[in-house]
PDB file of N, CA and C in Angstrom:
ATOM      1  N   MET A   1      34.026  19.439  26.058  1.00  0.00           N
ATOM      2  CA  MET A   1      33.914  18.967  24.684  1.00  0.00           C
ATOM      3  C   MET A   1      33.037  17.719  24.616  1.00  0.00           C
ATOM      4  N   SER A   2      33.211  16.807  25.543  1.00  0.00           N
ATOM      5  CA  SER A   2      32.425  15.574  25.502  1.00  0.00           C
ATOM      6  C   SER A   2      30.948  15.852  25.787  1.00  0.00           C
ATOM      7  N   ASP A   3      30.668  16.873  26.643  1.00  0.00           N
ATOM      8  CA  ASP A   3      29.268  17.230  26.897  1.00  0.00           C
ATOM      9  C   ASP A   3      28.609  17.751  25.629  1.00  0.00           C
ATOM     10  N   TRP A   4      29.317  18.570  24.881  1.00  0.00           N
ATOM     11  CA  TRP A   4      28.772  19.117  23.634  1.00  0.00           C
ATOM     12  C   TRP A   4      28.486  17.993  22.636  1.00  0.00           C
ATOM     13  N   LEU A   5      29.407  17.015  22.572  1.00  0.00           N
ATOM     14  CA  LEU A   5      29.241  15.880  21.669  1.00  0.00           C
ATOM     15  C   LEU A   5      28.046  15.027  22.088  1.00  0.00           C
ATOM     16  N   HIS A   6      27.892  14.849  23.392  1.00  0.00           N
ATOM     17  CA  HIS A   6      26.769  14.063  23.904  1.00  0.00           C
ATOM     18  C   HIS A   6      25.436  14.734  23.557  1.00  0.00           C
ATOM     19  N   ILE A   7      25.352  16.046  23.737  1.00  0.00           N
ATOM     20  CA  ILE A   7      24.130  16.793  23.410  1.00  0.00           C
ATOM     21  C   ILE A   7      23.864  16.732  21.908  1.00  0.00           C
ATOM     22  N   ALA A   8      24.917  16.836  21.114  1.00  0.00           N
ATOM     23  CA  ALA A   8      24.754  16.780  19.659  1.00  0.00           C
ATOM     24  C   ALA A   8      24.234  15.413  19.225  1.00  0.00           C
ATOM     25  N   LYS A   9      24.726  14.351  19.842  1.00  0.00           N
ATOM     26  CA  LYS A   9      24.249  13.008  19.503  1.00  0.00           C
ATOM     27  C   LYS A   9      22.784  12.835  19.892  1.00  0.00           C
ATOM     28  N   GLN A  10      22.405  13.376  21.050  1.00  0.00           N
ATOM     29  CA  GLN A  10      21.006  13.281  21.473  1.00  0.00           C
ATOM     30  C   GLN A  10      20.097  14.014  20.493  1.00  0.00           C
ATOM     31  N   GLU A  11      20.503  15.191  20.067  1.00  0.00           N
ATOM     32  CA  GLU A  11      19.716  15.958  19.102  1.00  0.00           C
ATOM     33  C   GLU A  11      19.590  15.209  17.785  1.00  0.00           C
ATOM     34  N   LEU A  12      20.682  14.600  17.346  1.00  0.00           N
ATOM     35  CA  LEU A  12      20.678  13.863  16.093  1.00  0.00           C
ATOM     36  C   LEU A  12      19.728  12.671  16.172  1.00  0.00           C
ATOM     37  N   VAL A  13      19.773  11.956  17.285  1.00  0.00           N
ATOM     38  CA  VAL A  13      18.901  10.790  17.456  1.00  0.00           C
ATOM     39  C   VAL A  13      17.446  11.235  17.498  1.00  0.00           C
ATOM     40  N   SER A  14      17.149  12.308  18.221  1.00  0.00           N
ATOM     41  CA  SER A  14      15.754  12.740  18.334  1.00  0.00           C
ATOM     42  C   SER A  14      15.234  13.278  16.998  1.00  0.00           C
ATOM     43  N   THR A  15      16.055  13.978  16.240  1.00  0.00           N
ATOM     44  CA  THR A  15      15.582  14.492  14.954  1.00  0.00           C
ATOM     45  C   THR A  15      15.450  13.376  13.931  1.00  0.00           C
ATOM     46  N   ASN A  16      16.289  12.336  14.030  1.00  0.00           N
ATOM     47  CA  ASN A  16      16.166  11.217  13.097  1.00  0.00           C
ATOM     48  C   ASN A  16      14.928  10.384  13.381  1.00  0.00           C
ATOM     49  N   GLN A  17      14.495  10.320  14.613  1.00  0.00           N
ATOM     50  CA  GLN A  17      13.352   9.486  14.955  1.00  0.00           C
ATOM     51  C   GLN A  17      12.026  10.181  14.676  1.00  0.00           C
ATOM     52  N   LYS A  18      11.991  11.490  14.692  1.00  0.00           N
ATOM     53  CA  LYS A  18      10.717  12.189  14.506  1.00  0.00           C
ATOM     54  C   LYS A  18      10.088  11.948  13.138  1.00  0.00           C
ATOM     55  N   PRO A  19      10.820  12.073  12.037  1.00  0.00           N
ATOM     56  CA  PRO A  19      10.153  11.858  10.744  1.00  0.00           C
ATOM     57  C   PRO A  19       9.612  10.445  10.593  1.00  0.00           C
ATOM     58  N   ARG A  20      10.318   9.466  11.141  1.00  0.00           N
ATOM     59  CA  ARG A  20       9.855   8.086  11.014  1.00  0.00           C
ATOM     60  C   ARG A  20       8.524   7.913  11.749  1.00  0.00           C
ATOM     61  N   SER A  21       8.409   8.434  12.968  1.00  0.00           N
ATOM     62  CA  SER A  21       7.165   8.277  13.720  1.00  0.00           C
ATOM     63  C   SER A  21       6.046   9.089  13.071  1.00  0.00           C
ATOM     64  N   GLU A  22       6.365  10.273  12.534  1.00  0.00           N
ATOM     65  CA  GLU A  22       5.340  11.058  11.846  1.00  0.00           C
ATOM     66  C   GLU A  22       4.894  10.345  10.577  1.00  0.00           C
ATOM     67  N   TRP A  23       5.837   9.751   9.847  1.00  0.00           N
ATOM     68  CA  TRP A  23       5.487   9.033   8.622  1.00  0.00           C
ATOM     69  C   TRP A  23       4.610   7.836   8.949  1.00  0.00           C
ATOM     70  N   ARG A  24       4.956   7.110  10.006  1.00  0.00           N
ATOM     71  CA  ARG A  24       4.158   5.940  10.372  1.00  0.00           C
ATOM     72  C   ARG A  24       2.769   6.347  10.820  1.00  0.00           C
ATOM     73  N   ARG A  25       2.658   7.487  11.483  1.00  0.00           N
ATOM     74  CA  ARG A  25       1.346   7.942  11.920  1.00  0.00           C
ATOM     75  C   ARG A  25       0.481   8.324  10.721  1.00  0.00           C
ATOM     76  N   SER A  26       1.088   8.892   9.701  1.00  0.00           N
ATOM     77  CA  SER A  26       0.310   9.355   8.554  1.00  0.00           C
ATOM     78  C   SER A  26       0.019   8.229   7.570  1.00  0.00           C
ATOM     79  N   ALA A  27       0.808   7.149   7.576  1.00  0.00           N
ATOM     80  CA  ALA A  27       0.601   6.051   6.631  1.00  0.00           C
ATOM     81  C   ALA A  27      -0.370   5.032   7.218  1.00  0.00           C
ATOM     82  N   PRO A  28      -1.265   4.502   6.374  1.00  0.00           N
ATOM     83  CA  PRO A  28      -2.176   3.471   6.873  1.00  0.00           C
ATOM     84  C   PRO A  28      -1.416   2.186   7.193  1.00  0.00           C
ATOM     85  N   PRO A  29      -1.982   1.347   8.030  1.00  0.00           N
ATOM     86  CA  PRO A  29      -1.312   0.083   8.359  1.00  0.00           C
ATOM     87  C   PRO A  29      -1.128  -0.798   7.128  1.00  0.00           C
ATOM     88  N   LEU A  30      -0.125  -1.642   7.181  1.00  0.00           N
ATOM     89  CA  LEU A  30       0.192  -2.509   6.053  1.00  0.00           C
ATOM     90  C   LEU A  30      -0.956  -3.463   5.737  1.00  0.00           C
ATOM     91  N   ALA A  31      -1.669  -3.908   6.762  1.00  0.00           N
ATOM     92  CA  ALA A  31      -2.799  -4.823   6.551  1.00  0.00           C
ATOM     93  C   ALA A  31      -3.875  -4.166   5.689  1.00  0.00           C
ATOM     94  N   LEU A  32      -4.076  -2.868   5.858  1.00  0.00           N
ATOM     95  CA  LEU A  32      -5.071  -2.159   5.045  1.00  0.00           C
ATOM     96  C   LEU A  32      -4.666  -2.149   3.579  1.00  0.00           C
ATOM     97  N   TRP A  33      -3.374  -1.974   3.305  1.00  0.00           N
ATOM     98  CA  TRP A  33      -2.912  -1.997   1.915  1.00  0.00           C
ATOM     99  C   TRP A  33      -3.167  -3.357   1.284  1.00  0.00           C
ATOM    100  N   PHE A  34      -2.881  -4.440   2.025  1.00  0.00           N
ATOM    101  CA  PHE A  34      -3.123  -5.778   1.489  1.00  0.00           C
ATOM    102  C   PHE A  34      -4.608  -6.014   1.250  1.00  0.00           C
ATOM    103  N   TYR A  35      -5.454  -5.516   2.139  1.00  0.00           N
ATOM    104  CA  TYR A  35      -6.900  -5.667   1.983  1.00  0.00           C
ATOM    105  C   TYR A  35      -7.380  -4.956   0.719  1.00  0.00           C
ATOM    106  N   VAL A  36      -6.940  -3.730   0.528  1.00  0.00           N
ATOM    107  CA  VAL A  36      -7.353  -2.956  -0.648  1.00  0.00           C
ATOM    108  C   VAL A  36      -6.834  -3.606  -1.930  1.00  0.00           C
ATOM    109  N   LEU A  37      -5.578  -4.052  -1.924  1.00  0.00           N
ATOM    110  CA  LEU A  37      -5.019  -4.700  -3.112  1.00  0.00           C
ATOM    111  C   LEU A  37      -5.747  -5.997  -3.443  1.00  0.00           C
ATOM    112  N   SER A  38      -6.084  -6.787  -2.426  1.00  0.00           N
ATOM    113  CA  SER A  38      -6.784  -8.049  -2.697  1.00  0.00           C
ATOM    114  C   SER A  38      -8.185  -7.783  -3.229  1.00  0.00           C
ATOM    115  N   LYS A  39      -8.899  -6.811  -2.662  1.00  0.00           N
ATOM    116  CA  LYS A  39     -10.237  -6.469  -3.159  1.00  0.00           C
ATOM    117  C   LYS A  39     -10.164  -5.991  -4.608  1.00  0.00           C
ATOM    118  N   THR A  40      -9.183  -5.161  -4.910  1.00  0.00           N
ATOM    119  CA  THR A  40      -9.019  -4.659  -6.272  1.00  0.00           C
ATOM    120  C   THR A  40      -8.695  -5.793  -7.231  1.00  0.00           C
ATOM    121  N   PHE A  41      -7.796  -6.688  -6.825  1.00  0.00           N
ATOM    122  CA  PHE A  41      -7.412  -7.811  -7.675  1.00  0.00           C
ATOM    123  C   PHE A  41      -8.614  -8.700  -7.977  1.00  0.00           C
ATOM    124  N   PHE A  42      -9.402  -9.034  -6.947  1.00  0.00           N
ATOM    125  CA  PHE A  42     -10.549  -9.911  -7.165  1.00  0.00           C
ATOM    126  C   PHE A  42     -11.634  -9.224  -7.985  1.00  0.00           C
ATOM    127  N   ALA A  43     -11.794  -7.921  -7.831  1.00  0.00           N
ATOM    128  CA  ALA A  43     -12.771  -7.196  -8.640  1.00  0.00           C
ATOM    129  C   ALA A  43     -12.362  -7.206 -10.111  1.00  0.00           C
ATOM    130  N   ILE A  44     -11.085  -7.017 -10.386  1.00  0.00           N
ATOM    131  CA  ILE A  44     -10.596  -7.045 -11.769  1.00  0.00           C
ATOM    132  C   ILE A  44     -10.728  -8.449 -12.341  1.00  0.00           C
ATOM    133  N   ALA A  45     -10.389  -9.470 -11.558  1.00  0.00           N
ATOM    134  CA  ALA A  45     -10.494 -10.852 -12.026  1.00  0.00           C
ATOM    135  C   ALA A  45     -11.947 -11.206 -12.321  1.00  0.00           C
ATOM    136  N   LEU A  46     -12.862 -10.787 -11.474  1.00  0.00           N
ATOM    137  CA  LEU A  46     -14.284 -11.063 -11.678  1.00  0.00           C
ATOM    138  C   LEU A  46     -14.789 -10.352 -12.924  1.00  0.00           C
ATOM    139  N   CYS A  47     -14.376  -9.121 -13.103  1.00  0.00           N
ATOM    140  CA  CYS A  47     -14.801  -8.341 -14.270  1.00  0.00           C
ATOM    141  C   CYS A  47     -14.272  -8.968 -15.555  1.00  0.00           C
ATOM    142  N   SER A  48     -13.020  -9.369 -15.570  1.00  0.00           N
ATOM    143  CA  SER A  48     -12.465  -9.965 -16.787  1.00  0.00           C
ATOM    144  C   SER A  48     -13.099 -11.324 -17.057  1.00  0.00           C
ATOM    145  N   ASN A  49     -13.465 -12.051 -16.014  1.00  0.00           N
ATOM    146  CA  ASN A  49     -14.134 -13.334 -16.174  1.00  0.00           C
ATOM    147  C   ASN A  49     -15.511 -13.143 -16.816  1.00  0.00           C
ATOM    148  N   GLN A  50     -16.245 -12.129 -16.377  1.00  0.00           N
ATOM    149  CA  GLN A  50     -17.564 -11.843 -16.951  1.00  0.00           C
ATOM    150  C   GLN A  50     -17.431 -11.405 -18.403  1.00  0.00           C
ATOM    151  N   ASN A  51     -16.396 -10.649 -18.712  1.00  0.00           N
ATOM    152  CA  ASN A  51     -16.189 -10.209 -20.091  1.00  0.00           C
ATOM    153  C   ASN A  51     -15.905 -11.397 -21.001  1.00  0.00           C
ATOM    154  N   GLN A  52     -15.151 -12.371 -20.512  1.00  0.00           N
ATOM    155  CA  GLN A  52     -14.862 -13.562 -21.315  1.00  0.00           C
ATOM    156  C   GLN A  52     -16.133 -14.366 -21.563  1.00  0.00           C
ATOM    157  N   GLU A  53     -16.990 -14.492 -20.542  1.00  0.00           N
ATOM    158  CA  GLU A  53     -18.243 -15.234 -20.712  1.00  0.00           C
ATOM    159  C   GLU A  53     -19.164 -14.511 -21.690  1.00  0.00           C
ATOM    160  N   ASN A  54     -19.215 -13.190 -21.611  1.00  0.00           N
ATOM    161  CA  ASN A  54     -20.052 -12.417 -22.530  1.00  0.00           C
ATOM    162  C   ASN A  54     -19.556 -12.558 -23.962  1.00  0.00           C
ATOM    163  N   SER A  55     -18.252 -12.543 -24.159  1.00  0.00           N
ATOM    164  CA  SER A  55     -17.714 -12.668 -25.516  1.00  0.00           C
ATOM    165  C   SER A  55     -17.962 -14.071 -26.067  1.00  0.00           C
ATOM    166  N   LYS A  56     -17.954 -15.096 -25.209  1.00  0.00           N
ATOM    167  CA  LYS A  56     -18.256 -16.455 -25.665  1.00  0.00           C
ATOM    168  C   LYS A  56     -19.710 -16.566 -26.100  1.00  0.00           C
ATOM    169  N   SER A  57     -20.620 -15.967 -25.333  1.00  0.00           N
ATOM    170  CA  SER A  57     -22.035 -16.062 -25.693  1.00  0.00           C
ATOM    171  C   SER A  57     -22.319 -15.288 -26.975  1.00  0.00           C
ATOM    172  N   VAL A  58     -21.654 -14.166 -27.183  1.00  0.00           N
ATOM    173  CA  VAL A  58     -21.829 -13.402 -28.419  1.00  0.00           C
ATOM    174  C   VAL A  58     -21.299 -14.206 -29.597  1.00  0.00           C
ATOM    175  N   ALA A  59     -20.169 -14.883 -29.413  1.00  0.00           N
ATOM    176  CA  ALA A  59     -19.597 -15.693 -30.488  1.00  0.00           C
ATOM    177  C   ALA A  59     -20.514 -16.867 -30.817  1.00  0.00           C
ATOM    178  N   LEU A  60     -21.140 -17.466 -29.825  1.00  0.00           N
ATOM    179  CA  LEU A  60     -22.050 -18.590 -30.072  1.00  0.00           C
ATOM    180  C   LEU A  60     -23.326 -18.127 -30.770  1.00  0.00           C
ATOM    181  N   GLN A  61     -23.785 -16.915 -30.474  1.00  0.00           N
ATOM    182  CA  GLN A  61     -24.998 -16.399 -31.117  1.00  0.00           C
ATOM    183  C   GLN A  61     -24.763 -16.128 -32.599  1.00  0.00           C
ATOM    184  N   ARG A  62     -23.555 -15.851 -32.987  1.00  0.00           N
ATOM    185  CA  ARG A  62     -23.263 -15.550 -34.394  1.00  0.00           C
ATOM    186  C   ARG A  62     -23.352 -16.795 -35.265  1.00  0.00           C
ATOM    187  N   PHE A  63     -23.127 -17.989 -34.685  1.00  0.00           N
ATOM    188  CA  PHE A  63     -23.140 -19.214 -35.488  1.00  0.00           C
ATOM    189  C   PHE A  63     -24.511 -19.783 -35.626  1.00  0.00           C
TER     190      PHE A  63
END
């Protein structure tokens, strides 16, 4: 009985570890996510900054 329980525990541990390692292999590293998010954030900030400057110059031209 104890041998069967030992084998069952080994199977459970090995099956629980496989999806985690497969998921980690398929997911990009965390540093890549931070890099992409920072690039996106700065691109949006730069774009909104240019839009504000353009709207100010248009408002000044009207006066």
